[in-house]
Amino acid sequence: MRAVVYGTGGAGGYFGAQLALSGEQVVFVARGEHLKALRANGLRLETPKGEAVIRPVEATDDPATVTGADVVLVGVKAWQVRDAAQALRPLVGAGTFVVPLQNGVEAVSELSTIVGAEHVLGGMCGTLSWVAGPGIIRNAGGANFIKFGELDNRRSERVERLQDAFAKAAVAVEVPPNIIKAL
């Protein structure tokens, strides 16, 4: 699975790193010094269980340059979702789906309006992670989880593939029976 993490902060960086460490292809969208460090040194993930460095890292500040995305994980702050949706539109192909990591229902509707509801899953996560410095994501441990699902709650092939990818990455993953209720 080719995943794009749009917003390589605490949540996006943590979950994207887990996917990359399990062997998935991950492209990180970042900016500024964080982007420079990712390109130069890779992404360092610090957890209570130890450190891991993903190197080399495919990283960009221009989502229009990314091709072949299966899934886009949107890891920006809630107030940035609308701008992120506009910026990531060029990488959303016919089979691409978008999963917001923000808790709450607003991100789903904002993404659906801009990229099309057929491309959007409901999603949310929990993690105590943050950018500890350029190219460094630090996780405090505890419960790290991701939940997502089709907006009509059906089990789809794309949900199954993403669930399998996160399970392979040893991330606590759940497909709730009703994603809107979970949100």
N, C-alpha and C. Protein backbone atom coordinates (compact mmCIF):
# COMPACT_ATOMS: atom_id res chain seq x y z
N MET A 1 0.85 -1.17 0.00
CA MET A 1 0.00 0.00 0.00
C MET A 1 0.90 1.24 0.00
N ARG A 2 0.56 2.19 -0.86
CA ARG A 2 1.30 3.46 -0.90
C ARG A 2 0.48 4.50 -0.14
N ALA A 3 1.02 4.93 0.98
CA ALA A 3 0.34 5.88 1.85
C ALA A 3 1.03 7.23 1.78
N VAL A 4 0.24 8.27 1.82
CA VAL A 4 0.75 9.63 1.92
C VAL A 4 0.29 10.19 3.26
N VAL A 5 1.23 10.73 4.01
CA VAL A 5 0.91 11.39 5.27
C VAL A 5 0.97 12.88 5.00
N TYR A 6 -0.20 13.52 5.00
CA TYR A 6 -0.27 14.96 4.78
C TYR A 6 -0.31 15.61 6.16
N GLY A 7 0.83 16.12 6.58
CA GLY A 7 0.96 16.71 7.92
C GLY A 7 1.76 15.75 8.79
N THR A 8 3.07 15.88 8.76
CA THR A 8 3.96 14.95 9.46
C THR A 8 4.29 15.50 10.84
N GLY A 9 3.24 15.74 11.60
CA GLY A 9 3.40 16.17 12.98
C GLY A 9 3.33 14.97 13.91
N GLY A 10 2.84 15.18 15.11
CA GLY A 10 2.79 14.11 16.10
C GLY A 10 1.99 12.90 15.63
N ALA A 11 0.74 13.11 15.26
CA ALA A 11 -0.11 11.98 14.85
C ALA A 11 0.31 11.43 13.49
N GLY A 12 0.38 12.29 12.48
CA GLY A 12 0.76 11.83 11.15
C GLY A 12 2.13 11.20 11.13
N GLY A 13 3.07 11.82 11.82
CA GLY A 13 4.43 11.29 11.86
C GLY A 13 4.50 9.94 12.56
N TYR A 14 3.77 9.80 13.66
CA TYR A 14 3.79 8.55 14.40
C TYR A 14 3.19 7.41 13.57
N PHE A 15 1.97 7.61 13.08
CA PHE A 15 1.30 6.53 12.36
C PHE A 15 1.96 6.25 11.01
N GLY A 16 2.45 7.29 10.35
CA GLY A 16 3.19 7.09 9.11
C GLY A 16 4.48 6.32 9.34
N ALA A 17 5.17 6.63 10.42
CA ALA A 17 6.41 5.92 10.76
C ALA A 17 6.12 4.44 11.01
N GLN A 18 5.05 4.16 11.72
CA GLN A 18 4.71 2.76 12.00
C GLN A 18 4.46 1.99 10.70
N LEU A 19 3.74 2.61 9.78
CA LEU A 19 3.49 1.96 8.49
C LEU A 19 4.80 1.74 7.74
N ALA A 20 5.66 2.75 7.72
CA ALA A 20 6.94 2.64 7.01
C ALA A 20 7.81 1.56 7.64
N LEU A 21 7.85 1.50 8.94
CA LEU A 21 8.66 0.49 9.62
C LEU A 21 8.18 -0.93 9.33
N SER A 22 6.90 -1.08 9.00
CA SER A 22 6.37 -2.41 8.69
C SER A 22 6.53 -2.77 7.22
N GLY A 23 7.11 -1.85 6.43
CA GLY A 23 7.38 -2.15 5.03
C GLY A 23 6.46 -1.49 4.02
N GLU A 24 5.50 -0.70 4.48
CA GLU A 24 4.62 0.00 3.54
C GLU A 24 5.38 1.17 2.93
N GLN A 25 5.01 1.55 1.72
CA GLN A 25 5.57 2.74 1.07
C GLN A 25 4.86 3.95 1.64
N VAL A 26 5.61 4.88 2.20
CA VAL A 26 5.01 6.07 2.81
C VAL A 26 5.71 7.31 2.27
N VAL A 27 4.90 8.29 1.87
CA VAL A 27 5.39 9.60 1.46
C VAL A 27 4.94 10.59 2.53
N PHE A 28 5.88 11.36 3.04
CA PHE A 28 5.57 12.33 4.09
C PHE A 28 5.52 13.73 3.48
N VAL A 29 4.42 14.43 3.71
CA VAL A 29 4.30 15.82 3.28
C VAL A 29 4.58 16.68 4.51
N ALA A 30 5.60 17.50 4.40
CA ALA A 30 6.04 18.34 5.51
C ALA A 30 6.53 19.67 4.95
N ARG A 31 7.03 20.53 5.81
CA ARG A 31 7.52 21.83 5.35
C ARG A 31 8.67 22.30 6.24
N GLY A 32 9.35 23.31 5.76
CA GLY A 32 10.39 23.99 6.52
C GLY A 32 11.53 23.10 6.96
N GLU A 33 12.01 23.36 8.17
CA GLU A 33 13.15 22.63 8.73
C GLU A 33 12.84 21.15 8.92
N HIS A 34 11.59 20.86 9.22
CA HIS A 34 11.17 19.46 9.39
C HIS A 34 11.37 18.70 8.08
N LEU A 35 10.96 19.29 6.98
CA LEU A 35 11.14 18.68 5.66
C LEU A 35 12.63 18.50 5.35
N LYS A 36 13.42 19.54 5.59
CA LYS A 36 14.86 19.45 5.33
C LYS A 36 15.49 18.31 6.12
N ALA A 37 15.12 18.18 7.37
CA ALA A 37 15.67 17.11 8.21
C ALA A 37 15.22 15.73 7.73
N LEU A 38 13.96 15.61 7.33
CA LEU A 38 13.48 14.33 6.81
C LEU A 38 14.30 13.90 5.60
N ARG A 39 14.52 14.84 4.70
CA ARG A 39 15.27 14.53 3.49
C ARG A 39 16.74 14.21 3.80
N ALA A 40 17.33 14.92 4.72
CA ALA A 40 18.76 14.74 5.01
C ALA A 40 19.04 13.54 5.92
N ASN A 41 18.21 13.36 6.94
CA ASN A 41 18.52 12.37 7.98
C ASN A 41 17.48 11.28 8.15
N GLY A 42 16.37 11.37 7.44
CA GLY A 42 15.28 10.42 7.64
C GLY A 42 14.38 10.86 8.78
N LEU A 43 13.44 10.01 9.12
CA LEU A 43 12.50 10.28 10.21
C LEU A 43 12.89 9.42 11.40
N ARG A 44 13.15 10.08 12.52
CA ARG A 44 13.49 9.36 13.75
C ARG A 44 12.27 9.31 14.64
N LEU A 45 11.90 8.10 15.04
CA LEU A 45 10.78 7.88 15.94
C LEU A 45 11.33 7.43 17.28
N GLU A 46 11.04 8.22 18.31
CA GLU A 46 11.49 7.91 19.67
C GLU A 46 10.28 7.49 20.49
N THR A 47 10.33 6.28 21.04
CA THR A 47 9.25 5.77 21.88
C THR A 47 9.86 5.21 23.16
N PRO A 48 9.05 4.95 24.18
CA PRO A 48 9.58 4.33 25.38
C PRO A 48 10.22 2.96 25.12
N LYS A 49 9.85 2.31 24.03
CA LYS A 49 10.42 1.00 23.69
C LYS A 49 11.73 1.11 22.93
N GLY A 50 12.11 2.34 22.53
CA GLY A 50 13.35 2.53 21.80
C GLY A 50 13.18 3.47 20.63
N GLU A 51 14.25 3.60 19.86
CA GLU A 51 14.26 4.50 18.71
C GLU A 51 14.35 3.70 17.42
N ALA A 52 13.79 4.30 16.36
CA ALA A 52 13.92 3.74 15.02
C ALA A 52 14.10 4.91 14.07
N VAL A 53 14.90 4.69 13.04
CA VAL A 53 15.10 5.71 12.02
C VAL A 53 14.69 5.13 10.68
N ILE A 54 13.83 5.85 10.00
CA ILE A 54 13.40 5.47 8.66
C ILE A 54 14.23 6.28 7.69
N ARG A 55 15.06 5.58 6.93
CA ARG A 55 15.96 6.25 6.01
C ARG A 55 16.20 5.35 4.82
N PRO A 56 16.12 5.82 3.62
CA PRO A 56 15.73 7.17 3.23
C PRO A 56 14.22 7.35 3.38
N VAL A 57 13.81 8.60 3.39
CA VAL A 57 12.40 8.96 3.49
C VAL A 57 12.00 9.69 2.22
N GLU A 58 10.86 9.30 1.68
CA GLU A 58 10.30 10.07 0.57
C GLU A 58 9.48 11.19 1.20
N ALA A 59 9.93 12.42 1.01
CA ALA A 59 9.28 13.58 1.64
C ALA A 59 9.21 14.73 0.65
N THR A 60 8.13 15.49 0.75
CA THR A 60 7.91 16.61 -0.15
C THR A 60 7.08 17.68 0.56
N ASP A 61 7.10 18.88 0.00
CA ASP A 61 6.19 19.93 0.45
C ASP A 61 5.15 20.21 -0.63
N ASP A 62 5.20 19.46 -1.71
CA ASP A 62 4.28 19.66 -2.84
C ASP A 62 3.53 18.38 -3.15
N PRO A 63 2.31 18.23 -2.62
CA PRO A 63 1.56 17.00 -2.85
C PRO A 63 1.27 16.72 -4.32
N ALA A 64 1.31 17.73 -5.17
CA ALA A 64 1.06 17.53 -6.60
C ALA A 64 2.13 16.68 -7.26
N THR A 65 3.29 16.53 -6.61
CA THR A 65 4.37 15.73 -7.17
C THR A 65 4.25 14.24 -6.81
N VAL A 66 3.31 13.90 -5.95
CA VAL A 66 3.15 12.52 -5.49
C VAL A 66 2.20 11.78 -6.43
N THR A 67 2.60 10.61 -6.85
CA THR A 67 1.74 9.80 -7.72
C THR A 67 1.47 8.45 -7.07
N GLY A 68 0.41 7.82 -7.49
CA GLY A 68 0.11 6.46 -7.08
C GLY A 68 -0.33 6.27 -5.65
N ALA A 69 -0.92 7.28 -5.04
CA ALA A 69 -1.35 7.16 -3.64
C ALA A 69 -2.57 6.25 -3.53
N ASP A 70 -2.49 5.29 -2.62
CA ASP A 70 -3.65 4.46 -2.29
C ASP A 70 -4.48 5.15 -1.21
N VAL A 71 -3.79 5.67 -0.19
CA VAL A 71 -4.46 6.31 0.93
C VAL A 71 -3.70 7.57 1.32
N VAL A 72 -4.45 8.57 1.76
CA VAL A 72 -3.87 9.79 2.31
C VAL A 72 -4.36 9.92 3.75
N LEU A 73 -3.42 9.95 4.67
CA LEU A 73 -3.74 10.19 6.08
C LEU A 73 -3.56 11.68 6.33
N VAL A 74 -4.61 12.34 6.76
CA VAL A 74 -4.57 13.79 6.97
C VAL A 74 -4.30 14.05 8.44
N GLY A 75 -3.07 14.51 8.72
CA GLY A 75 -2.64 14.70 10.10
C GLY A 75 -2.45 16.14 10.51
N VAL A 76 -3.14 17.07 9.86
CA VAL A 76 -3.02 18.49 10.22
C VAL A 76 -3.98 18.82 11.36
N LYS A 77 -3.85 20.01 11.91
CA LYS A 77 -4.77 20.49 12.94
C LYS A 77 -6.16 20.67 12.33
N ALA A 78 -7.19 20.58 13.16
CA ALA A 78 -8.57 20.66 12.67
C ALA A 78 -8.83 21.93 11.86
N TRP A 79 -8.25 23.05 12.27
CA TRP A 79 -8.50 24.30 11.57
C TRP A 79 -7.77 24.38 10.23
N GLN A 80 -6.90 23.40 9.93
CA GLN A 80 -6.15 23.38 8.68
C GLN A 80 -6.70 22.39 7.66
N VAL A 81 -7.74 21.65 8.00
CA VAL A 81 -8.23 20.58 7.14
C VAL A 81 -8.69 21.11 5.78
N ARG A 82 -9.43 22.21 5.76
CA ARG A 82 -9.94 22.74 4.49
C ARG A 82 -8.79 23.09 3.54
N ASP A 83 -7.77 23.77 4.03
CA ASP A 83 -6.61 24.12 3.19
C ASP A 83 -5.85 22.86 2.76
N ALA A 84 -5.72 21.90 3.67
CA ALA A 84 -5.05 20.64 3.33
C ALA A 84 -5.81 19.91 2.24
N ALA A 85 -7.12 19.89 2.33
CA ALA A 85 -7.94 19.21 1.32
C ALA A 85 -7.73 19.82 -0.05
N GLN A 86 -7.67 21.15 -0.12
CA GLN A 86 -7.41 21.81 -1.40
C GLN A 86 -6.04 21.42 -1.94
N ALA A 87 -5.04 21.41 -1.07
CA ALA A 87 -3.67 21.12 -1.49
C ALA A 87 -3.48 19.67 -1.92
N LEU A 88 -4.21 18.73 -1.31
CA LEU A 88 -4.00 17.33 -1.64
C LEU A 88 -4.87 16.85 -2.80
N ARG A 89 -5.75 17.68 -3.31
CA ARG A 89 -6.61 17.27 -4.43
C ARG A 89 -5.85 16.68 -5.60
N PRO A 90 -4.68 17.22 -6.01
CA PRO A 90 -3.99 16.65 -7.18
C PRO A 90 -3.52 15.20 -7.00
N LEU A 91 -3.35 14.75 -5.78
CA LEU A 91 -2.87 13.38 -5.60
C LEU A 91 -3.99 12.37 -5.38
N VAL A 92 -5.23 12.83 -5.37
CA VAL A 92 -6.36 11.93 -5.19
C VAL A 92 -6.79 11.41 -6.56
N GLY A 93 -6.43 10.15 -6.82
CA GLY A 93 -6.82 9.49 -8.06
C GLY A 93 -8.13 8.73 -7.88
N ALA A 94 -8.53 8.03 -8.92
CA ALA A 94 -9.81 7.31 -8.90
C ALA A 94 -9.91 6.34 -7.73
N GLY A 95 -8.82 5.67 -7.39
CA GLY A 95 -8.86 4.68 -6.31
C GLY A 95 -8.29 5.14 -4.99
N THR A 96 -7.93 6.42 -4.89
CA THR A 96 -7.34 6.96 -3.67
C THR A 96 -8.42 7.26 -2.64
N PHE A 97 -8.15 6.95 -1.39
CA PHE A 97 -9.07 7.34 -0.32
C PHE A 97 -8.33 8.12 0.75
N VAL A 98 -9.07 8.97 1.44
CA VAL A 98 -8.52 9.93 2.39
C VAL A 98 -9.10 9.63 3.78
N VAL A 99 -8.21 9.60 4.77
CA VAL A 99 -8.62 9.30 6.14
C VAL A 99 -8.15 10.42 7.06
N PRO A 100 -9.08 11.17 7.65
CA PRO A 100 -8.68 12.19 8.61
C PRO A 100 -8.28 11.55 9.93
N LEU A 101 -7.26 12.11 10.57
CA LEU A 101 -6.83 11.64 11.88
C LEU A 101 -7.41 12.49 13.00
N GLN A 102 -8.05 13.60 12.66
CA GLN A 102 -8.62 14.49 13.66
C GLN A 102 -9.86 13.84 14.28
N ASN A 103 -10.06 14.07 15.56
CA ASN A 103 -11.27 13.58 16.20
C ASN A 103 -12.40 14.57 15.95
N GLY A 104 -13.57 14.06 15.64
CA GLY A 104 -14.72 14.91 15.36
C GLY A 104 -15.21 14.72 13.93
N VAL A 105 -16.43 15.15 13.69
CA VAL A 105 -17.05 14.91 12.38
C VAL A 105 -16.78 16.01 11.36
N GLU A 106 -16.26 17.15 11.77
CA GLU A 106 -16.07 18.27 10.85
C GLU A 106 -15.09 17.93 9.73
N ALA A 107 -14.02 17.24 10.04
CA ALA A 107 -13.00 16.93 9.03
C ALA A 107 -13.59 16.10 7.90
N VAL A 108 -14.44 15.16 8.22
CA VAL A 108 -15.07 14.31 7.19
C VAL A 108 -15.86 15.15 6.21
N SER A 109 -16.69 16.05 6.73
CA SER A 109 -17.52 16.87 5.83
C SER A 109 -16.67 17.85 5.02
N GLU A 110 -15.65 18.43 5.62
CA GLU A 110 -14.78 19.35 4.89
C GLU A 110 -14.03 18.62 3.77
N LEU A 111 -13.47 17.46 4.07
CA LEU A 111 -12.77 16.68 3.06
C LEU A 111 -13.73 16.23 1.96
N SER A 112 -14.91 15.75 2.34
CA SER A 112 -15.89 15.27 1.37
C SER A 112 -16.31 16.36 0.40
N THR A 113 -16.49 17.56 0.89
CA THR A 113 -16.89 18.68 0.04
C THR A 113 -15.82 18.99 -1.01
N ILE A 114 -14.56 18.85 -0.65
CA ILE A 114 -13.47 19.26 -1.54
C ILE A 114 -12.96 18.13 -2.42
N VAL A 115 -12.77 16.92 -1.88
CA VAL A 115 -12.21 15.83 -2.69
C VAL A 115 -13.26 14.84 -3.15
N GLY A 116 -14.48 14.96 -2.66
CA GLY A 116 -15.56 14.04 -3.03
C GLY A 116 -15.78 13.00 -1.95
N ALA A 117 -17.02 12.83 -1.54
CA ALA A 117 -17.35 11.90 -0.45
C ALA A 117 -16.94 10.47 -0.76
N GLU A 118 -16.92 10.10 -2.05
CA GLU A 118 -16.54 8.73 -2.41
C GLU A 118 -15.07 8.42 -2.08
N HIS A 119 -14.28 9.44 -1.83
CA HIS A 119 -12.86 9.27 -1.52
C HIS A 119 -12.57 9.34 -0.02
N VAL A 120 -13.58 9.56 0.81
CA VAL A 120 -13.33 9.86 2.23
C VAL A 120 -13.88 8.77 3.13
N LEU A 121 -13.06 8.34 4.08
CA LEU A 121 -13.49 7.49 5.17
C LEU A 121 -13.61 8.36 6.41
N GLY A 122 -14.41 7.92 7.37
CA GLY A 122 -14.37 8.55 8.68
C GLY A 122 -13.14 8.02 9.39
N GLY A 123 -12.48 8.86 10.17
CA GLY A 123 -11.30 8.41 10.88
C GLY A 123 -10.99 9.25 12.09
N MET A 124 -10.25 8.65 12.99
CA MET A 124 -9.80 9.33 14.20
C MET A 124 -8.64 8.53 14.79
N CYS A 125 -7.90 9.17 15.66
CA CYS A 125 -6.78 8.47 16.28
C CYS A 125 -6.57 8.98 17.69
N GLY A 126 -5.72 8.27 18.39
CA GLY A 126 -5.27 8.70 19.70
C GLY A 126 -3.79 8.39 19.81
N THR A 127 -3.03 9.37 20.20
CA THR A 127 -1.60 9.19 20.41
C THR A 127 -1.06 10.34 21.24
N LEU A 128 -0.06 10.07 22.03
CA LEU A 128 0.65 11.13 22.75
C LEU A 128 2.01 11.27 22.07
N SER A 129 1.99 11.93 20.92
CA SER A 129 3.18 12.11 20.10
C SER A 129 3.30 13.56 19.68
N TRP A 130 4.53 14.00 19.43
CA TRP A 130 4.76 15.38 19.02
C TRP A 130 6.07 15.47 18.26
N VAL A 131 6.28 16.59 17.59
CA VAL A 131 7.53 16.85 16.90
C VAL A 131 8.51 17.35 17.96
N ALA A 132 9.55 16.55 18.23
CA ALA A 132 10.53 16.90 19.26
C ALA A 132 11.65 17.76 18.69
N GLY A 133 11.73 17.84 17.39
CA GLY A 133 12.74 18.62 16.69
C GLY A 133 12.61 18.27 15.21
N PRO A 134 13.28 19.00 14.36
CA PRO A 134 13.18 18.70 12.94
C PRO A 134 13.54 17.23 12.64
N GLY A 135 12.59 16.52 12.02
CA GLY A 135 12.81 15.13 11.65
C GLY A 135 12.65 14.14 12.78
N ILE A 136 12.17 14.59 13.95
CA ILE A 136 12.07 13.73 15.12
C ILE A 136 10.64 13.73 15.66
N ILE A 137 10.05 12.54 15.75
CA ILE A 137 8.75 12.37 16.38
C ILE A 137 8.97 11.61 17.68
N ARG A 138 8.47 12.18 18.76
CA ARG A 138 8.60 11.53 20.07
C ARG A 138 7.21 11.08 20.53
N ASN A 139 7.16 9.85 21.03
CA ASN A 139 5.92 9.27 21.52
C ASN A 139 6.10 8.93 22.99
N ALA A 140 5.11 9.30 23.80
CA ALA A 140 5.20 9.09 25.24
C ALA A 140 4.74 7.70 25.66
N GLY A 141 4.27 6.90 24.72
CA GLY A 141 3.77 5.57 25.06
C GLY A 141 2.28 5.63 25.33
N GLY A 142 1.80 4.69 26.06
CA GLY A 142 0.37 4.64 26.35
C GLY A 142 -0.41 4.08 25.18
N ALA A 143 -1.66 4.46 25.11
CA ALA A 143 -2.57 3.93 24.09
C ALA A 143 -2.44 4.71 22.79
N ASN A 144 -1.91 4.08 21.78
CA ASN A 144 -1.87 4.64 20.43
C ASN A 144 -2.83 3.82 19.60
N PHE A 145 -3.82 4.46 19.01
CA PHE A 145 -4.81 3.71 18.25
C PHE A 145 -5.30 4.53 17.06
N ILE A 146 -5.85 3.82 16.10
CA ILE A 146 -6.49 4.44 14.96
C ILE A 146 -7.80 3.71 14.69
N LYS A 147 -8.83 4.49 14.37
CA LYS A 147 -10.14 3.94 14.03
C LYS A 147 -10.58 4.59 12.73
N PHE A 148 -11.20 3.82 11.86
CA PHE A 148 -11.71 4.36 10.61
C PHE A 148 -12.76 3.43 10.05
N GLY A 149 -13.51 3.95 9.07
CA GLY A 149 -14.52 3.13 8.42
C GLY A 149 -15.24 3.91 7.34
N GLU A 150 -15.91 3.16 6.49
CA GLU A 150 -16.74 3.76 5.45
C GLU A 150 -17.85 4.57 6.10
N LEU A 151 -18.24 5.65 5.47
CA LEU A 151 -19.27 6.52 6.04
C LEU A 151 -20.63 5.83 6.12
N ASP A 152 -20.85 4.81 5.27
CA ASP A 152 -22.10 4.04 5.35
C ASP A 152 -21.93 2.76 6.17
N ASN A 153 -20.78 2.62 6.82
CA ASN A 153 -20.45 1.52 7.74
C ASN A 153 -20.32 0.14 7.10
N ARG A 154 -20.28 0.07 5.77
CA ARG A 154 -20.08 -1.23 5.13
C ARG A 154 -18.61 -1.61 5.21
N ARG A 155 -18.34 -2.89 5.19
CA ARG A 155 -16.96 -3.37 5.15
C ARG A 155 -16.52 -3.38 3.70
N SER A 156 -15.51 -2.63 3.37
CA SER A 156 -15.04 -2.53 1.99
C SER A 156 -13.63 -3.09 1.89
N GLU A 157 -13.22 -3.35 0.67
CA GLU A 157 -11.88 -3.85 0.41
C GLU A 157 -10.83 -2.84 0.87
N ARG A 158 -11.07 -1.55 0.66
CA ARG A 158 -10.07 -0.55 1.05
C ARG A 158 -9.95 -0.44 2.56
N VAL A 159 -11.05 -0.58 3.26
CA VAL A 159 -10.99 -0.59 4.73
C VAL A 159 -10.22 -1.82 5.20
N GLU A 160 -10.48 -2.96 4.60
CA GLU A 160 -9.78 -4.19 4.97
C GLU A 160 -8.27 -4.07 4.72
N ARG A 161 -7.89 -3.50 3.57
CA ARG A 161 -6.46 -3.33 3.25
C ARG A 161 -5.77 -2.42 4.26
N LEU A 162 -6.42 -1.30 4.60
CA LEU A 162 -5.81 -0.38 5.56
C LEU A 162 -5.76 -0.99 6.96
N GLN A 163 -6.81 -1.69 7.33
CA GLN A 163 -6.81 -2.38 8.63
C GLN A 163 -5.67 -3.39 8.69
N ASP A 164 -5.49 -4.16 7.64
CA ASP A 164 -4.39 -5.14 7.58
C ASP A 164 -3.03 -4.45 7.68
N ALA A 165 -2.88 -3.31 6.99
CA ALA A 165 -1.60 -2.59 7.02
C ALA A 165 -1.27 -2.11 8.43
N PHE A 166 -2.26 -1.55 9.13
CA PHE A 166 -2.01 -1.09 10.49
C PHE A 166 -1.80 -2.26 11.45
N ALA A 167 -2.52 -3.34 11.26
CA ALA A 167 -2.32 -4.52 12.10
C ALA A 167 -0.90 -5.06 11.91
N LYS A 168 -0.44 -5.11 10.65
CA LYS A 168 0.93 -5.56 10.36
C LYS A 168 1.96 -4.63 11.02
N ALA A 169 1.60 -3.34 11.16
CA ALA A 169 2.48 -2.36 11.78
C ALA A 169 2.38 -2.36 13.31
N ALA A 170 1.61 -3.30 13.85
CA ALA A 170 1.43 -3.44 15.30
C ALA A 170 0.79 -2.21 15.93
N VAL A 171 -0.11 -1.56 15.18
CA VAL A 171 -0.88 -0.42 15.69
C VAL A 171 -2.26 -0.94 16.08
N ALA A 172 -2.74 -0.54 17.23
CA ALA A 172 -4.10 -0.90 17.63
C ALA A 172 -5.07 -0.24 16.65
N VAL A 173 -5.78 -1.07 15.89
CA VAL A 173 -6.66 -0.58 14.84
C VAL A 173 -8.05 -1.16 15.03
N GLU A 174 -9.05 -0.32 14.79
CA GLU A 174 -10.44 -0.76 14.94
C GLU A 174 -11.26 -0.18 13.80
N VAL A 175 -12.18 -0.99 13.30
CA VAL A 175 -13.20 -0.53 12.37
C VAL A 175 -14.51 -0.60 13.15
N PRO A 176 -14.94 0.54 13.71
CA PRO A 176 -16.15 0.53 14.53
C PRO A 176 -17.38 0.15 13.70
N PRO A 177 -18.39 -0.42 14.33
CA PRO A 177 -19.62 -0.76 13.59
C PRO A 177 -20.32 0.49 13.04
N ASN A 178 -20.12 1.63 13.72
CA ASN A 178 -20.70 2.89 13.24
C ASN A 178 -19.66 3.99 13.43
N ILE A 179 -18.99 4.37 12.33
CA ILE A 179 -17.89 5.33 12.42
C ILE A 179 -18.36 6.71 12.83
N ILE A 180 -19.52 7.13 12.36
CA ILE A 180 -20.02 8.47 12.74
C ILE A 180 -20.28 8.53 14.24
N LYS A 181 -20.87 7.48 14.79
CA LYS A 181 -21.10 7.42 16.24
C LYS A 181 -19.75 7.45 16.97
N ALA A 182 -18.77 6.72 16.47
CA ALA A 182 -17.43 6.72 17.09
C ALA A 182 -16.81 8.10 17.05
N LEU A 183 -16.99 8.81 15.92
CA LEU A 183 -16.44 10.16 15.81
C LEU A 183 -17.10 11.09 16.81
